[in-house]
Amino acid sequence: MKDFDGDEQRAILPAMSDTTEQPELQEPSLDEQIAAYQREFRDLDPQVEQIVSALGRLNRRMNVAYGRQVAALGISNTEWEVLKTLVLSGAPYRLGPGELAKRLGLTPAAMTHRIDRMAGEGLVTRDRDENNRVRVIVELTDEGRAKWLEAMRMATTFEEDLLQDLSGDERGALGEILIRLLRRVEHEQPDAGGRLTDLD
């Protein structure tokens, strides 16, 4: 079930004077949320709801943390995704715009806009394929790879801190459980890896 984030909750509040301090809306605890759901929807399984709601909140907060880390490096989440996709393609870290768009679930127009921006920032280059002048190749630059490596170092520190209270056995068990859930979703929703709409 969908949780509304803080921005969405604040958006439905009546407008207040600029001189009036707006109250900080506190997200209900999981127990409070589940109790409210049960009040409104009697068929709810509270155990299932606890699991999926906790996963949703964890994912949202992790995304915020990762976003702050890449922002500190002067790049955006969307730029990070391109860097990651190029690195995952393997050396020499080159892909065509069409392949990048497909892997990221973007339209060609959105991909072109993103590549334009990143090329201007020195994170990637965009050149004609020497063997096929019609084909364009996007390649990771040394600066782009350095940004990716630094982001990975920061993420590793954050992730180790996140899992510090779990033993090795617990981490292994949790990883296996999450992979089983992921495989279930991938089987039931095989087209859900992309986006419903472009983000930029």
C-alpha atoms as a PDB file:
ATOM      1  CA  MET A   1       0.000   0.000   0.000  1.00  0.00           C
ATOM      2  CA  LYS A   2       1.170   3.514  -0.755  1.00  0.00           C
ATOM      3  CA  ASP A   3       2.464   5.775   1.977  1.00  0.00           C
ATOM      4  CA  PHE A   4       2.275   9.509   1.373  1.00  0.00           C
ATOM      5  CA  ASP A   5       5.592  11.212   1.960  1.00  0.00           C
ATOM      6  CA  GLY A   6       5.981  14.432   3.893  1.00  0.00           C
ATOM      7  CA  ASP A   7       5.839  16.690   0.833  1.00  0.00           C
ATOM      8  CA  GLU A   8       2.551  15.201  -0.292  1.00  0.00           C
ATOM      9  CA  GLN A   9       1.062  15.554   3.179  1.00  0.00           C
ATOM     10  CA  ARG A  10       2.115  19.185   3.466  1.00  0.00           C
ATOM     11  CA  ALA A  11       0.651  19.942   0.060  1.00  0.00           C
ATOM     12  CA  ILE A  12      -2.908  19.339   1.288  1.00  0.00           C
ATOM     13  CA  LEU A  13      -2.615  21.759   4.216  1.00  0.00           C
ATOM     14  CA  PRO A  14      -4.296  25.146   3.850  1.00  0.00           C
ATOM     15  CA  ALA A  15      -1.960  27.991   2.915  1.00  0.00           C
ATOM     16  CA  MET A  16      -0.462  29.819   5.888  1.00  0.00           C
ATOM     17  CA  SER A  17       1.065  33.246   6.274  1.00  0.00           C
ATOM     18  CA  ASP A  18       4.768  33.515   5.509  1.00  0.00           C
ATOM     19  CA  THR A  19       5.292  34.787   9.032  1.00  0.00           C
ATOM     20  CA  THR A  20       3.595  31.760  10.586  1.00  0.00           C
ATOM     21  CA  GLU A  21       5.749  28.738  11.212  1.00  0.00           C
ATOM     22  CA  GLN A  22       4.182  25.668   9.663  1.00  0.00           C
ATOM     23  CA  PRO A  23       3.924  22.690  12.013  1.00  0.00           C
ATOM     24  CA  GLU A  24       6.049  19.681  11.204  1.00  0.00           C
ATOM     25  CA  LEU A  25       3.807  16.757  10.289  1.00  0.00           C
ATOM     26  CA  GLN A  26       4.901  13.602  12.064  1.00  0.00           C
ATOM     27  CA  GLU A  27       4.545  10.360  10.132  1.00  0.00           C
ATOM     28  CA  PRO A  28       2.496   7.852  12.129  1.00  0.00           C
ATOM     29  CA  SER A  29       4.349   4.895  13.554  1.00  0.00           C
ATOM     30  CA  LEU A  30       3.923   1.558  11.807  1.00  0.00           C
ATOM     31  CA  ASP A  31       1.666   0.374  14.625  1.00  0.00           C
ATOM     32  CA  GLU A  32      -0.486   3.492  14.301  1.00  0.00           C
ATOM     33  CA  GLN A  33      -0.676   3.122  10.546  1.00  0.00           C
ATOM     34  CA  ILE A  34      -1.642  -0.554  10.726  1.00  0.00           C
ATOM     35  CA  ALA A  35      -4.274   0.170  13.398  1.00  0.00           C
ATOM     36  CA  ALA A  36      -5.782   2.868  11.168  1.00  0.00           C
ATOM     37  CA  TYR A  37      -5.794   0.533   8.181  1.00  0.00           C
ATOM     38  CA  GLN A  38      -7.481  -2.196  10.229  1.00  0.00           C
ATOM     39  CA  ARG A  39     -10.107   0.269  11.380  1.00  0.00           C
ATOM     40  CA  GLU A  40     -10.957   1.150   7.784  1.00  0.00           C
ATOM     41  CA  PHE A  41     -10.304  -2.217   6.120  1.00  0.00           C
ATOM     42  CA  ARG A  42     -11.230  -5.210   8.274  1.00  0.00           C
ATOM     43  CA  ASP A  43      -9.723  -7.835   5.949  1.00  0.00           C
ATOM     44  CA  LEU A  44      -6.194  -6.504   6.425  1.00  0.00           C
ATOM     45  CA  ASP A  45      -3.523  -8.978   7.546  1.00  0.00           C
ATOM     46  CA  PRO A  46      -1.495  -6.915  10.063  1.00  0.00           C
ATOM     47  CA  GLN A  47       1.567  -9.160   9.752  1.00  0.00           C
ATOM     48  CA  VAL A  48       1.704  -8.738   5.983  1.00  0.00           C
ATOM     49  CA  GLU A  49       1.076  -5.001   6.281  1.00  0.00           C
ATOM     50  CA  GLN A  50       3.870  -4.609   8.823  1.00  0.00           C
ATOM     51  CA  ILE A  51       6.340  -6.243   6.444  1.00  0.00           C
ATOM     52  CA  VAL A  52       5.393  -4.342   3.285  1.00  0.00           C
ATOM     53  CA  SER A  53       5.025  -1.004   5.072  1.00  0.00           C
ATOM     54  CA  ALA A  54       8.408  -1.410   6.767  1.00  0.00           C
ATOM     55  CA  LEU A  55       9.991  -2.270   3.409  1.00  0.00           C
ATOM     56  CA  GLY A  56       8.369   0.762   1.807  1.00  0.00           C
ATOM     57  CA  ARG A  57       9.548   3.140   4.518  1.00  0.00           C
ATOM     58  CA  LEU A  58      13.039   1.675   4.506  1.00  0.00           C
ATOM     59  CA  ASN A  59      13.275   2.009   0.721  1.00  0.00           C
ATOM     60  CA  ARG A  60      12.105   5.628   0.844  1.00  0.00           C
ATOM     61  CA  ARG A  61      14.577   6.619   3.536  1.00  0.00           C
ATOM     62  CA  MET A  62      17.433   4.812   1.835  1.00  0.00           C
ATOM     63  CA  ASN A  63      16.667   6.633  -1.407  1.00  0.00           C
ATOM     64  CA  VAL A  64      16.774   9.955   0.468  1.00  0.00           C
ATOM     65  CA  ALA A  65      20.127   9.028   2.027  1.00  0.00           C
ATOM     66  CA  TYR A  66      21.601   7.996  -1.331  1.00  0.00           C
ATOM     67  CA  GLY A  67      20.240  11.160  -2.923  1.00  0.00           C
ATOM     68  CA  ARG A  68      21.972  13.306  -0.315  1.00  0.00           C
ATOM     69  CA  GLN A  69      25.236  11.487  -0.877  1.00  0.00           C
ATOM     70  CA  VAL A  70      25.309  11.959  -4.639  1.00  0.00           C
ATOM     71  CA  ALA A  71      24.162  15.575  -4.241  1.00  0.00           C
ATOM     72  CA  ALA A  72      27.227  16.155  -2.046  1.00  0.00           C
ATOM     73  CA  LEU A  73      29.306  15.006  -5.025  1.00  0.00           C
ATOM     74  CA  GLY A  74      27.591  17.499  -7.323  1.00  0.00           C
ATOM     75  CA  ILE A  75      25.531  14.982  -9.276  1.00  0.00           C
ATOM     76  CA  SER A  76      21.864  14.029  -9.278  1.00  0.00           C
ATOM     77  CA  ASN A  77      20.180  10.663  -8.769  1.00  0.00           C
ATOM     78  CA  THR A  78      19.356  10.547 -12.467  1.00  0.00           C
ATOM     79  CA  GLU A  79      22.993  11.173 -13.399  1.00  0.00           C
ATOM     80  CA  TRP A  80      24.101   8.506 -10.939  1.00  0.00           C
ATOM     81  CA  GLU A  81      21.850   6.005 -12.713  1.00  0.00           C
ATOM     82  CA  VAL A  82      23.566   6.676 -16.033  1.00  0.00           C
ATOM     83  CA  LEU A  83      27.027   6.344 -14.456  1.00  0.00           C
ATOM     84  CA  LYS A  84      25.997   3.079 -12.821  1.00  0.00           C
ATOM     85  CA  THR A  85      24.556   1.683 -16.063  1.00  0.00           C
ATOM     86  CA  LEU A  86      27.729   2.488 -17.980  1.00  0.00           C
ATOM     87  CA  VAL A  87      29.916   0.891 -15.283  1.00  0.00           C
ATOM     88  CA  LEU A  88      27.725  -2.232 -15.254  1.00  0.00           C
ATOM     89  CA  SER A  89      28.177  -2.547 -19.023  1.00  0.00           C
ATOM     90  CA  GLY A  90      31.887  -3.248 -18.390  1.00  0.00           C
ATOM     91  CA  ALA A  91      35.032  -1.699 -19.816  1.00  0.00           C
ATOM     92  CA  PRO A  92      35.324   0.418 -21.899  1.00  0.00           C
ATOM     93  CA  TYR A  93      32.006   1.608 -20.362  1.00  0.00           C
ATOM     94  CA  ARG A  94      30.326   2.514 -23.633  1.00  0.00           C
ATOM     95  CA  LEU A  95      26.690   2.209 -24.741  1.00  0.00           C
ATOM     96  CA  GLY A  96      24.453   3.721 -27.376  1.00  0.00           C
ATOM     97  CA  PRO A  97      21.775   6.197 -26.265  1.00  0.00           C
ATOM     98  CA  GLY A  98      19.047   3.740 -27.282  1.00  0.00           C
ATOM     99  CA  GLU A  99      20.500   0.972 -25.133  1.00  0.00           C
ATOM    100  CA  LEU A 100      20.921   3.359 -22.214  1.00  0.00           C
ATOM    101  CA  ALA A 101      17.303   4.485 -22.555  1.00  0.00           C
ATOM    102  CA  LYS A 102      16.102   0.883 -22.644  1.00  0.00           C
ATOM    103  CA  ARG A 103      18.095  -0.137 -19.568  1.00  0.00           C
ATOM    104  CA  LEU A 104      16.901   2.910 -17.603  1.00  0.00           C
ATOM    105  CA  GLY A 105      13.279   2.723 -18.727  1.00  0.00           C
ATOM    106  CA  LEU A 106      13.361   6.173 -20.352  1.00  0.00           C
ATOM    107  CA  THR A 107      12.105   7.611 -23.613  1.00  0.00           C
ATOM    108  CA  PRO A 108      14.759   8.522 -26.210  1.00  0.00           C
ATOM    109  CA  ALA A 109      13.976  12.226 -25.728  1.00  0.00           C
ATOM    110  CA  ALA A 110      14.517  12.043 -21.967  1.00  0.00           C
ATOM    111  CA  MET A 111      17.727  10.086 -22.483  1.00  0.00           C
ATOM    112  CA  THR A 112      19.033  12.672 -24.952  1.00  0.00           C
ATOM    113  CA  HIS A 113      18.328  15.452 -22.452  1.00  0.00           C
ATOM    114  CA  ARG A 114      20.177  13.581 -19.737  1.00  0.00           C
ATOM    115  CA  ILE A 115      23.179  12.831 -21.934  1.00  0.00           C
ATOM    116  CA  ASP A 116      23.375  16.483 -23.049  1.00  0.00           C
ATOM    117  CA  ARG A 117      23.548  17.607 -19.443  1.00  0.00           C
ATOM    118  CA  MET A 118      26.110  15.014 -18.384  1.00  0.00           C
ATOM    119  CA  ALA A 119      28.340  15.647 -21.388  1.00  0.00           C
ATOM    120  CA  GLY A 120      28.341  19.333 -20.482  1.00  0.00           C
ATOM    121  CA  GLU A 121      29.451  18.410 -16.962  1.00  0.00           C
ATOM    122  CA  GLY A 122      32.291  16.214 -18.223  1.00  0.00           C
ATOM    123  CA  LEU A 123      30.802  12.978 -16.854  1.00  0.00           C
ATOM    124  CA  VAL A 124      30.375  11.307 -20.248  1.00  0.00           C
ATOM    125  CA  THR A 125      31.403  11.871 -23.843  1.00  0.00           C
ATOM    126  CA  ARG A 126      29.196  11.430 -26.881  1.00  0.00           C
ATOM    127  CA  ASP A 127      30.855  10.624 -30.218  1.00  0.00           C
ATOM    128  CA  ARG A 128      30.105   8.937 -33.502  1.00  0.00           C
ATOM    129  CA  ASP A 129      30.987   5.265 -33.752  1.00  0.00           C
ATOM    130  CA  GLU A 130      34.144   4.987 -35.884  1.00  0.00           C
ATOM    131  CA  ASN A 131      32.758   1.845 -37.525  1.00  0.00           C
ATOM    132  CA  ASN A 132      29.270   3.245 -38.080  1.00  0.00           C
ATOM    133  CA  ARG A 133      29.051   7.020 -38.389  1.00  0.00           C
ATOM    134  CA  VAL A 134      25.277   6.933 -37.977  1.00  0.00           C
ATOM    135  CA  ARG A 135      25.591   5.371 -34.538  1.00  0.00           C
ATOM    136  CA  VAL A 136      26.317   7.498 -31.456  1.00  0.00           C
ATOM    137  CA  ILE A 137      28.335   6.129 -28.545  1.00  0.00           C
ATOM    138  CA  VAL A 138      28.122   7.414 -24.972  1.00  0.00           C
ATOM    139  CA  GLU A 139      31.263   6.709 -22.943  1.00  0.00           C
ATOM    140  CA  LEU A 140      32.114   7.208 -19.275  1.00  0.00           C
ATOM    141  CA  THR A 141      34.900   9.735 -18.653  1.00  0.00           C
ATOM    142  CA  ASP A 142      37.579   9.467 -15.987  1.00  0.00           C
ATOM    143  CA  GLU A 143      35.719  12.147 -14.031  1.00  0.00           C
ATOM    144  CA  GLY A 144      32.465  10.235 -14.343  1.00  0.00           C
ATOM    145  CA  ARG A 145      34.092   7.036 -13.098  1.00  0.00           C
ATOM    146  CA  ALA A 146      35.704   8.916 -10.205  1.00  0.00           C
ATOM    147  CA  LYS A 147      32.268  10.249  -9.192  1.00  0.00           C
ATOM    148  CA  TRP A 148      30.847   6.732  -9.354  1.00  0.00           C
ATOM    149  CA  LEU A 149      33.654   5.324  -7.200  1.00  0.00           C
ATOM    150  CA  GLU A 150      33.273   8.033  -4.558  1.00  0.00           C
ATOM    151  CA  ALA A 151      29.515   7.502  -4.452  1.00  0.00           C
ATOM    152  CA  MET A 152      30.115   3.767  -3.960  1.00  0.00           C
ATOM    153  CA  ARG A 153      32.509   4.454  -1.070  1.00  0.00           C
ATOM    154  CA  MET A 154      29.933   6.665   0.628  1.00  0.00           C
ATOM    155  CA  ALA A 155      27.151   4.130   0.033  1.00  0.00           C
ATOM    156  CA  THR A 156      29.262   1.300   1.455  1.00  0.00           C
ATOM    157  CA  THR A 157      29.797   3.219   4.697  1.00  0.00           C
ATOM    158  CA  PHE A 158      26.075   3.964   4.958  1.00  0.00           C
ATOM    159  CA  GLU A 159      25.082   0.347   4.233  1.00  0.00           C
ATOM    160  CA  GLU A 160      27.515  -1.110   6.756  1.00  0.00           C
ATOM    161  CA  ASP A 161      26.109   1.242   9.381  1.00  0.00           C
ATOM    162  CA  LEU A 162      22.560   0.260   8.413  1.00  0.00           C
ATOM    163  CA  LEU A 163      23.288  -3.446   8.903  1.00  0.00           C
ATOM    164  CA  GLN A 164      25.607  -3.169  11.897  1.00  0.00           C
ATOM    165  CA  ASP A 165      23.119  -4.783  14.324  1.00  0.00           C
ATOM    166  CA  LEU A 166      22.694  -7.907  12.185  1.00  0.00           C
ATOM    167  CA  SER A 167      24.972 -10.915  12.511  1.00  0.00           C
ATOM    168  CA  GLY A 168      26.442 -12.588   9.472  1.00  0.00           C
ATOM    169  CA  ASP A 169      23.792 -15.325   9.661  1.00  0.00           C
ATOM    170  CA  GLU A 170      21.020 -12.738   9.961  1.00  0.00           C
ATOM    171  CA  ARG A 171      22.337 -10.817   6.962  1.00  0.00           C
ATOM    172  CA  GLY A 172      22.452 -14.024   4.938  1.00  0.00           C
ATOM    173  CA  ALA A 173      18.907 -14.994   5.933  1.00  0.00           C
ATOM    174  CA  LEU A 174      17.562 -11.507   5.246  1.00  0.00           C
ATOM    175  CA  GLY A 175      19.250 -11.422   1.853  1.00  0.00           C
ATOM    176  CA  GLU A 176      17.726 -14.764   0.866  1.00  0.00           C
ATOM    177  CA  ILE A 177      14.244 -13.676   1.994  1.00  0.00           C
ATOM    178  CA  LEU A 178      14.415 -10.398   0.095  1.00  0.00           C
ATOM    179  CA  ILE A 179      15.609 -12.192  -3.052  1.00  0.00           C
ATOM    180  CA  ARG A 180      12.638 -14.564  -2.792  1.00  0.00           C
ATOM    181  CA  LEU A 181      10.274 -11.598  -2.549  1.00  0.00           C
ATOM    182  CA  LEU A 182      12.003  -9.904  -5.475  1.00  0.00           C
ATOM    183  CA  ARG A 183      11.700 -13.023  -7.628  1.00  0.00           C
ATOM    184  CA  ARG A 184       7.996 -13.231  -6.805  1.00  0.00           C
ATOM    185  CA  VAL A 185       7.426  -9.644  -7.903  1.00  0.00           C
ATOM    186  CA  GLU A 186       9.546 -10.130 -11.026  1.00  0.00           C
ATOM    187  CA  HIS A 187       7.499 -13.210 -11.923  1.00  0.00           C
ATOM    188  CA  GLU A 188       4.129 -11.548 -11.315  1.00  0.00           C
ATOM    189  CA  GLN A 189       5.119  -8.124 -12.711  1.00  0.00           C
ATOM    190  CA  PRO A 190       7.772  -8.795 -15.362  1.00  0.00           C
ATOM    191  CA  ASP A 191       7.360  -5.321 -16.890  1.00  0.00           C
ATOM    192  CA  ALA A 192       7.728  -3.407 -13.626  1.00  0.00           C
ATOM    193  CA  GLY A 193      11.472  -2.774 -13.869  1.00  0.00           C
ATOM    194  CA  GLY A 194      11.121   0.518 -15.717  1.00  0.00           C
ATOM    195  CA  ARG A 195       9.227   3.702 -14.890  1.00  0.00           C
ATOM    196  CA  LEU A 196       5.662   4.756 -15.474  1.00  0.00           C
ATOM    197  CA  THR A 197       6.886   8.224 -16.446  1.00  0.00           C
ATOM    198  CA  ASP A 198      10.240   9.863 -17.052  1.00  0.00           C
ATOM    199  CA  LEU A 199      11.702  11.665 -14.058  1.00  0.00           C
ATOM    200  CA  ASP A 200      13.332  14.538 -15.893  1.00  0.00           C
END
